[in-house]
Amino acid sequence: MSAALKDGRSFSGPYLQVTSTTQGQAFDPLWSGWEPGWSSWGWGAFPDFASTTHYSGRVMANLQAADGQHMRCHFHLNHPFEGMGGGGQGQCQLKSGRSVDAVFPPSA
C-alpha cells in the first residue's frame, strides 16, 4: 500500500485485511434433522462447507517513508468482500502523533 501526504511525503508498506474462517464442522449442529445447507428451504446457495471466510471490513497498515518515518493506518472498507478495491475510509497516524483522515474511492 502507498500513501502520499499533502506536504509531498510518500509512505508505503504492508497492509492486512482482518478476516476469520469458520471450518465446515462448525455448521454440523445446524443440519441435524435437515439436509446440509437447507437447500430445500429456498434460502439460496450456502457457502462451501469446507471453510467459510468472514470479512470484517477492517484493514491495518504499517507504512514507511524513504527517510525512515513510520505511519500506521486503520480503515473500514465500504464493501469488505471486494477488499481495498471496494473503497473505504479511516485514519493514519504519524510517530509525532499527527493524525490524517484517509478516504479512498472504489476502483472502477
N, C-alpha and C. Protein backbone atom coordinates (compact mmCIF):
# COMPACT_ATOMS: atom_id res chain seq x y z
N MET A 1 0.85 -1.16 0.00
CA MET A 1 0.00 0.00 0.00
C MET A 1 0.90 1.22 0.00
N SER A 2 0.44 2.27 -0.66
CA SER A 2 1.19 3.51 -0.63
C SER A 2 0.25 4.67 -0.37
N ALA A 3 0.78 5.72 0.24
CA ALA A 3 0.00 6.91 0.56
C ALA A 3 0.89 8.13 0.43
N ALA A 4 0.31 9.22 -0.05
CA ALA A 4 1.04 10.48 -0.19
C ALA A 4 0.33 11.55 0.62
N LEU A 5 1.09 12.29 1.41
CA LEU A 5 0.53 13.39 2.18
C LEU A 5 0.56 14.68 1.36
N LYS A 6 -0.24 15.66 1.77
CA LYS A 6 -0.29 16.93 1.06
C LYS A 6 1.06 17.63 1.03
N ASP A 7 1.92 17.37 2.03
CA ASP A 7 3.23 18.02 2.07
C ASP A 7 4.25 17.34 1.14
N GLY A 8 3.81 16.32 0.41
CA GLY A 8 4.67 15.65 -0.57
C GLY A 8 5.33 14.38 -0.09
N ARG A 9 5.28 14.09 1.20
CA ARG A 9 5.89 12.85 1.71
C ARG A 9 5.09 11.64 1.25
N SER A 10 5.81 10.59 0.87
CA SER A 10 5.18 9.34 0.45
C SER A 10 5.55 8.23 1.41
N PHE A 11 4.60 7.36 1.67
CA PHE A 11 4.78 6.21 2.55
C PHE A 11 4.31 4.96 1.82
N SER A 12 4.93 3.84 2.12
CA SER A 12 4.46 2.58 1.56
C SER A 12 4.80 1.46 2.53
N GLY A 13 4.09 0.35 2.39
CA GLY A 13 4.34 -0.79 3.26
C GLY A 13 3.20 -1.78 3.22
N PRO A 14 3.28 -2.78 4.07
CA PRO A 14 2.28 -3.85 4.06
C PRO A 14 0.97 -3.45 4.72
N TYR A 15 -0.09 -4.10 4.28
CA TYR A 15 -1.39 -3.96 4.93
C TYR A 15 -2.01 -5.34 5.09
N LEU A 16 -2.98 -5.42 5.98
CA LEU A 16 -3.63 -6.69 6.28
C LEU A 16 -5.12 -6.45 6.44
N GLN A 17 -5.93 -7.21 5.71
CA GLN A 17 -7.37 -7.17 5.90
C GLN A 17 -7.72 -8.25 6.93
N VAL A 18 -8.38 -7.85 8.00
CA VAL A 18 -8.70 -8.76 9.09
C VAL A 18 -9.88 -9.65 8.68
N THR A 19 -9.65 -10.96 8.71
CA THR A 19 -10.68 -11.94 8.37
C THR A 19 -10.69 -13.04 9.43
N SER A 20 -11.70 -13.85 9.38
CA SER A 20 -11.72 -15.06 10.20
C SER A 20 -12.30 -16.17 9.33
N THR A 21 -12.04 -17.38 9.72
CA THR A 21 -12.51 -18.53 8.96
C THR A 21 -13.31 -19.45 9.86
N THR A 22 -14.47 -19.87 9.37
CA THR A 22 -15.28 -20.86 10.07
C THR A 22 -15.09 -22.19 9.34
N GLN A 23 -14.66 -23.20 10.05
CA GLN A 23 -14.47 -24.51 9.46
C GLN A 23 -15.81 -25.20 9.29
N GLY A 24 -15.91 -26.04 8.28
CA GLY A 24 -17.17 -26.70 7.93
C GLY A 24 -17.84 -27.43 9.07
N GLN A 25 -17.07 -28.08 9.95
CA GLN A 25 -17.68 -28.85 11.03
C GLN A 25 -18.45 -27.96 12.01
N ALA A 26 -18.17 -26.66 12.03
CA ALA A 26 -18.90 -25.75 12.92
C ALA A 26 -20.38 -25.67 12.53
N PHE A 27 -20.69 -25.97 11.26
CA PHE A 27 -22.08 -25.91 10.80
C PHE A 27 -22.86 -27.19 11.11
N ASP A 28 -22.16 -28.28 11.43
CA ASP A 28 -22.80 -29.58 11.61
C ASP A 28 -24.03 -29.56 12.52
N PRO A 29 -24.02 -28.88 13.67
CA PRO A 29 -25.22 -28.89 14.52
C PRO A 29 -26.45 -28.26 13.85
N LEU A 30 -26.24 -27.39 12.90
CA LEU A 30 -27.36 -26.75 12.22
C LEU A 30 -28.10 -27.69 11.28
N TRP A 31 -27.42 -28.73 10.81
CA TRP A 31 -28.01 -29.63 9.82
C TRP A 31 -28.75 -30.80 10.47
N SER A 32 -28.64 -30.97 11.77
CA SER A 32 -29.27 -32.11 12.44
C SER A 32 -30.77 -32.15 12.12
N GLY A 33 -31.19 -33.23 11.48
CA GLY A 33 -32.60 -33.40 11.13
C GLY A 33 -32.97 -32.77 9.79
N TRP A 34 -32.01 -32.13 9.13
CA TRP A 34 -32.25 -31.46 7.85
C TRP A 34 -31.15 -31.83 6.87
N GLU A 35 -31.34 -31.50 5.60
CA GLU A 35 -30.26 -31.69 4.64
C GLU A 35 -29.24 -30.57 4.80
N PRO A 36 -27.96 -30.86 4.65
CA PRO A 36 -26.93 -29.81 4.79
C PRO A 36 -27.20 -28.63 3.86
N GLY A 37 -27.14 -27.44 4.42
CA GLY A 37 -27.32 -26.22 3.64
C GLY A 37 -28.76 -25.76 3.52
N TRP A 38 -29.71 -26.59 3.98
CA TRP A 38 -31.13 -26.25 3.91
C TRP A 38 -31.56 -25.86 2.50
N SER A 39 -31.00 -26.52 1.48
CA SER A 39 -31.26 -26.13 0.10
C SER A 39 -32.73 -26.18 -0.27
N SER A 40 -33.52 -27.05 0.36
CA SER A 40 -34.95 -27.15 0.02
C SER A 40 -35.77 -26.01 0.60
N TRP A 41 -35.17 -25.16 1.41
CA TRP A 41 -35.90 -24.08 2.06
C TRP A 41 -35.95 -22.82 1.22
N GLY A 42 -35.19 -22.77 0.14
CA GLY A 42 -35.21 -21.62 -0.75
C GLY A 42 -34.39 -20.44 -0.25
N TRP A 43 -33.46 -20.71 0.64
CA TRP A 43 -32.63 -19.66 1.21
C TRP A 43 -31.51 -19.26 0.27
N GLY A 44 -31.24 -20.07 -0.75
CA GLY A 44 -30.16 -19.80 -1.68
C GLY A 44 -28.97 -20.68 -1.39
N ALA A 45 -27.98 -20.55 -2.25
CA ALA A 45 -26.78 -21.37 -2.12
C ALA A 45 -26.04 -21.06 -0.83
N PHE A 46 -25.63 -22.08 -0.13
CA PHE A 46 -24.85 -21.92 1.09
C PHE A 46 -23.39 -22.03 0.72
N PRO A 47 -22.50 -21.33 1.43
CA PRO A 47 -21.07 -21.38 1.09
C PRO A 47 -20.50 -22.79 1.19
N ASP A 48 -19.35 -22.98 0.58
CA ASP A 48 -18.61 -24.24 0.64
C ASP A 48 -18.48 -24.68 2.10
N PHE A 49 -18.80 -25.92 2.37
CA PHE A 49 -18.79 -26.39 3.75
C PHE A 49 -17.40 -26.69 4.29
N ALA A 50 -16.38 -26.71 3.44
CA ALA A 50 -15.03 -26.98 3.93
C ALA A 50 -14.57 -25.86 4.86
N SER A 51 -14.77 -24.62 4.44
CA SER A 51 -14.47 -23.47 5.28
C SER A 51 -15.11 -22.24 4.65
N THR A 52 -15.42 -21.26 5.46
CA THR A 52 -16.02 -20.02 5.01
C THR A 52 -15.24 -18.86 5.60
N THR A 53 -14.86 -17.89 4.76
CA THR A 53 -14.13 -16.72 5.22
C THR A 53 -15.10 -15.59 5.53
N HIS A 54 -14.91 -14.95 6.67
CA HIS A 54 -15.72 -13.81 7.09
C HIS A 54 -14.84 -12.57 7.00
N TYR A 55 -15.30 -11.58 6.27
CA TYR A 55 -14.55 -10.34 6.08
C TYR A 55 -15.04 -9.31 7.08
N SER A 56 -14.15 -8.84 7.93
CA SER A 56 -14.54 -7.91 9.00
C SER A 56 -14.74 -6.49 8.47
N GLY A 57 -14.13 -6.19 7.33
CA GLY A 57 -14.18 -4.82 6.83
C GLY A 57 -13.10 -3.94 7.43
N ARG A 58 -12.24 -4.52 8.25
CA ARG A 58 -11.17 -3.76 8.90
C ARG A 58 -9.84 -4.06 8.22
N VAL A 59 -9.05 -3.00 8.00
CA VAL A 59 -7.73 -3.12 7.41
C VAL A 59 -6.74 -2.34 8.27
N MET A 60 -5.56 -2.90 8.46
CA MET A 60 -4.49 -2.24 9.20
C MET A 60 -3.28 -2.14 8.29
N ALA A 61 -2.49 -1.07 8.44
CA ALA A 61 -1.28 -0.91 7.63
C ALA A 61 -0.17 -0.28 8.45
N ASN A 62 1.06 -0.63 8.11
CA ASN A 62 2.25 -0.04 8.71
C ASN A 62 3.11 0.45 7.55
N LEU A 63 3.12 1.78 7.35
CA LEU A 63 3.79 2.36 6.19
C LEU A 63 5.06 3.09 6.61
N GLN A 64 6.02 3.17 5.69
CA GLN A 64 7.30 3.81 5.98
C GLN A 64 7.68 4.73 4.83
N ALA A 65 8.25 5.90 5.16
CA ALA A 65 8.76 6.84 4.17
C ALA A 65 10.22 6.52 3.88
N ALA A 66 10.74 7.11 2.80
CA ALA A 66 12.14 6.88 2.42
C ALA A 66 13.11 7.31 3.52
N ASP A 67 12.71 8.31 4.35
CA ASP A 67 13.59 8.78 5.42
C ASP A 67 13.45 7.96 6.70
N GLY A 68 12.68 6.89 6.65
CA GLY A 68 12.53 6.00 7.81
C GLY A 68 11.36 6.32 8.72
N GLN A 69 10.65 7.43 8.49
CA GLN A 69 9.48 7.75 9.31
C GLN A 69 8.38 6.72 9.06
N HIS A 70 7.62 6.44 10.12
CA HIS A 70 6.53 5.48 10.03
C HIS A 70 5.18 6.15 10.17
N MET A 71 4.17 5.51 9.57
CA MET A 71 2.79 5.95 9.70
C MET A 71 1.94 4.68 9.81
N ARG A 72 1.11 4.64 10.84
CA ARG A 72 0.21 3.50 10.99
C ARG A 72 -1.19 3.94 10.57
N CYS A 73 -1.96 2.99 10.02
CA CYS A 73 -3.28 3.32 9.50
C CYS A 73 -4.27 2.23 9.87
N HIS A 74 -5.53 2.64 10.00
CA HIS A 74 -6.62 1.67 10.11
C HIS A 74 -7.78 2.19 9.27
N PHE A 75 -8.44 1.26 8.58
CA PHE A 75 -9.51 1.59 7.67
C PHE A 75 -10.73 0.71 7.90
N HIS A 76 -11.87 1.20 7.48
CA HIS A 76 -13.11 0.42 7.41
C HIS A 76 -13.51 0.39 5.94
N LEU A 77 -13.63 -0.80 5.39
CA LEU A 77 -13.95 -0.96 3.98
C LEU A 77 -15.44 -0.78 3.73
N ASN A 78 -15.77 -0.15 2.60
CA ASN A 78 -17.18 0.02 2.24
C ASN A 78 -17.82 -1.31 1.86
N HIS A 79 -17.07 -2.14 1.14
CA HIS A 79 -17.56 -3.45 0.69
C HIS A 79 -16.47 -4.47 0.99
N PRO A 80 -16.45 -5.00 2.21
CA PRO A 80 -15.34 -5.86 2.64
C PRO A 80 -14.99 -6.99 1.69
N PHE A 81 -15.99 -7.60 1.07
CA PHE A 81 -15.73 -8.73 0.19
C PHE A 81 -14.90 -8.32 -1.02
N GLU A 82 -14.96 -7.03 -1.41
CA GLU A 82 -14.21 -6.53 -2.56
C GLU A 82 -12.80 -6.08 -2.18
N GLY A 83 -12.45 -6.11 -0.91
CA GLY A 83 -11.14 -5.68 -0.47
C GLY A 83 -10.95 -4.18 -0.62
N MET A 84 -9.71 -3.75 -0.78
CA MET A 84 -9.40 -2.32 -0.89
C MET A 84 -10.06 -1.70 -2.12
N GLY A 85 -10.28 -2.51 -3.16
CA GLY A 85 -10.91 -2.02 -4.38
C GLY A 85 -12.34 -1.55 -4.19
N GLY A 86 -12.97 -1.94 -3.08
CA GLY A 86 -14.34 -1.53 -2.80
C GLY A 86 -14.45 -0.17 -2.13
N GLY A 87 -13.29 0.46 -1.88
CA GLY A 87 -13.28 1.78 -1.25
C GLY A 87 -13.41 1.69 0.26
N GLY A 88 -13.15 2.82 0.91
CA GLY A 88 -13.24 2.86 2.36
C GLY A 88 -12.74 4.18 2.91
N GLN A 89 -12.64 4.21 4.23
CA GLN A 89 -12.18 5.40 4.92
C GLN A 89 -11.54 4.98 6.23
N GLY A 90 -10.70 5.87 6.74
CA GLY A 90 -10.04 5.57 8.00
C GLY A 90 -9.15 6.70 8.44
N GLN A 91 -8.13 6.34 9.18
CA GLN A 91 -7.24 7.34 9.74
C GLN A 91 -5.83 6.77 9.82
N CYS A 92 -4.86 7.65 9.59
CA CYS A 92 -3.45 7.28 9.73
C CYS A 92 -2.83 8.20 10.78
N GLN A 93 -1.78 7.70 11.43
CA GLN A 93 -1.11 8.49 12.47
C GLN A 93 0.40 8.40 12.28
N LEU A 94 1.03 9.57 12.32
CA LEU A 94 2.50 9.65 12.27
C LEU A 94 3.06 9.48 13.66
N LYS A 95 4.35 9.16 13.76
CA LYS A 95 5.01 8.99 15.05
C LYS A 95 4.89 10.24 15.92
N SER A 96 4.79 11.41 15.29
CA SER A 96 4.66 12.67 16.03
C SER A 96 3.31 12.79 16.73
N GLY A 97 2.38 11.90 16.38
CA GLY A 97 1.04 11.96 16.95
C GLY A 97 0.03 12.60 16.02
N ARG A 98 0.51 13.26 14.97
CA ARG A 98 -0.38 13.90 14.00
C ARG A 98 -1.21 12.83 13.30
N SER A 99 -2.53 13.08 13.19
CA SER A 99 -3.44 12.16 12.52
C SER A 99 -3.88 12.73 11.18
N VAL A 100 -4.11 11.84 10.25
CA VAL A 100 -4.54 12.21 8.91
C VAL A 100 -5.75 11.36 8.55
N ASP A 101 -6.85 11.99 8.16
CA ASP A 101 -8.01 11.24 7.68
C ASP A 101 -7.70 10.72 6.29
N ALA A 102 -8.14 9.52 6.01
CA ALA A 102 -7.88 8.89 4.71
C ALA A 102 -9.19 8.38 4.13
N VAL A 103 -9.42 8.71 2.87
CA VAL A 103 -10.58 8.22 2.14
C VAL A 103 -10.09 7.73 0.79
N PHE A 104 -10.54 6.55 0.39
CA PHE A 104 -10.18 6.07 -0.94
C PHE A 104 -11.44 5.55 -1.62
N PRO A 105 -11.67 6.04 -2.84
CA PRO A 105 -12.88 5.66 -3.57
C PRO A 105 -12.78 4.24 -4.11
N PRO A 106 -13.93 3.66 -4.44
CA PRO A 106 -13.90 2.33 -5.08
C PRO A 106 -13.20 2.42 -6.43
N SER A 107 -12.46 1.39 -6.79
CA SER A 107 -11.83 1.37 -8.11
C SER A 107 -12.91 1.03 -9.14
N ALA A 108 -12.77 1.58 -10.29
CA ALA A 108 -13.79 1.39 -11.34
C ALA A 108 -13.71 0.05 -11.97
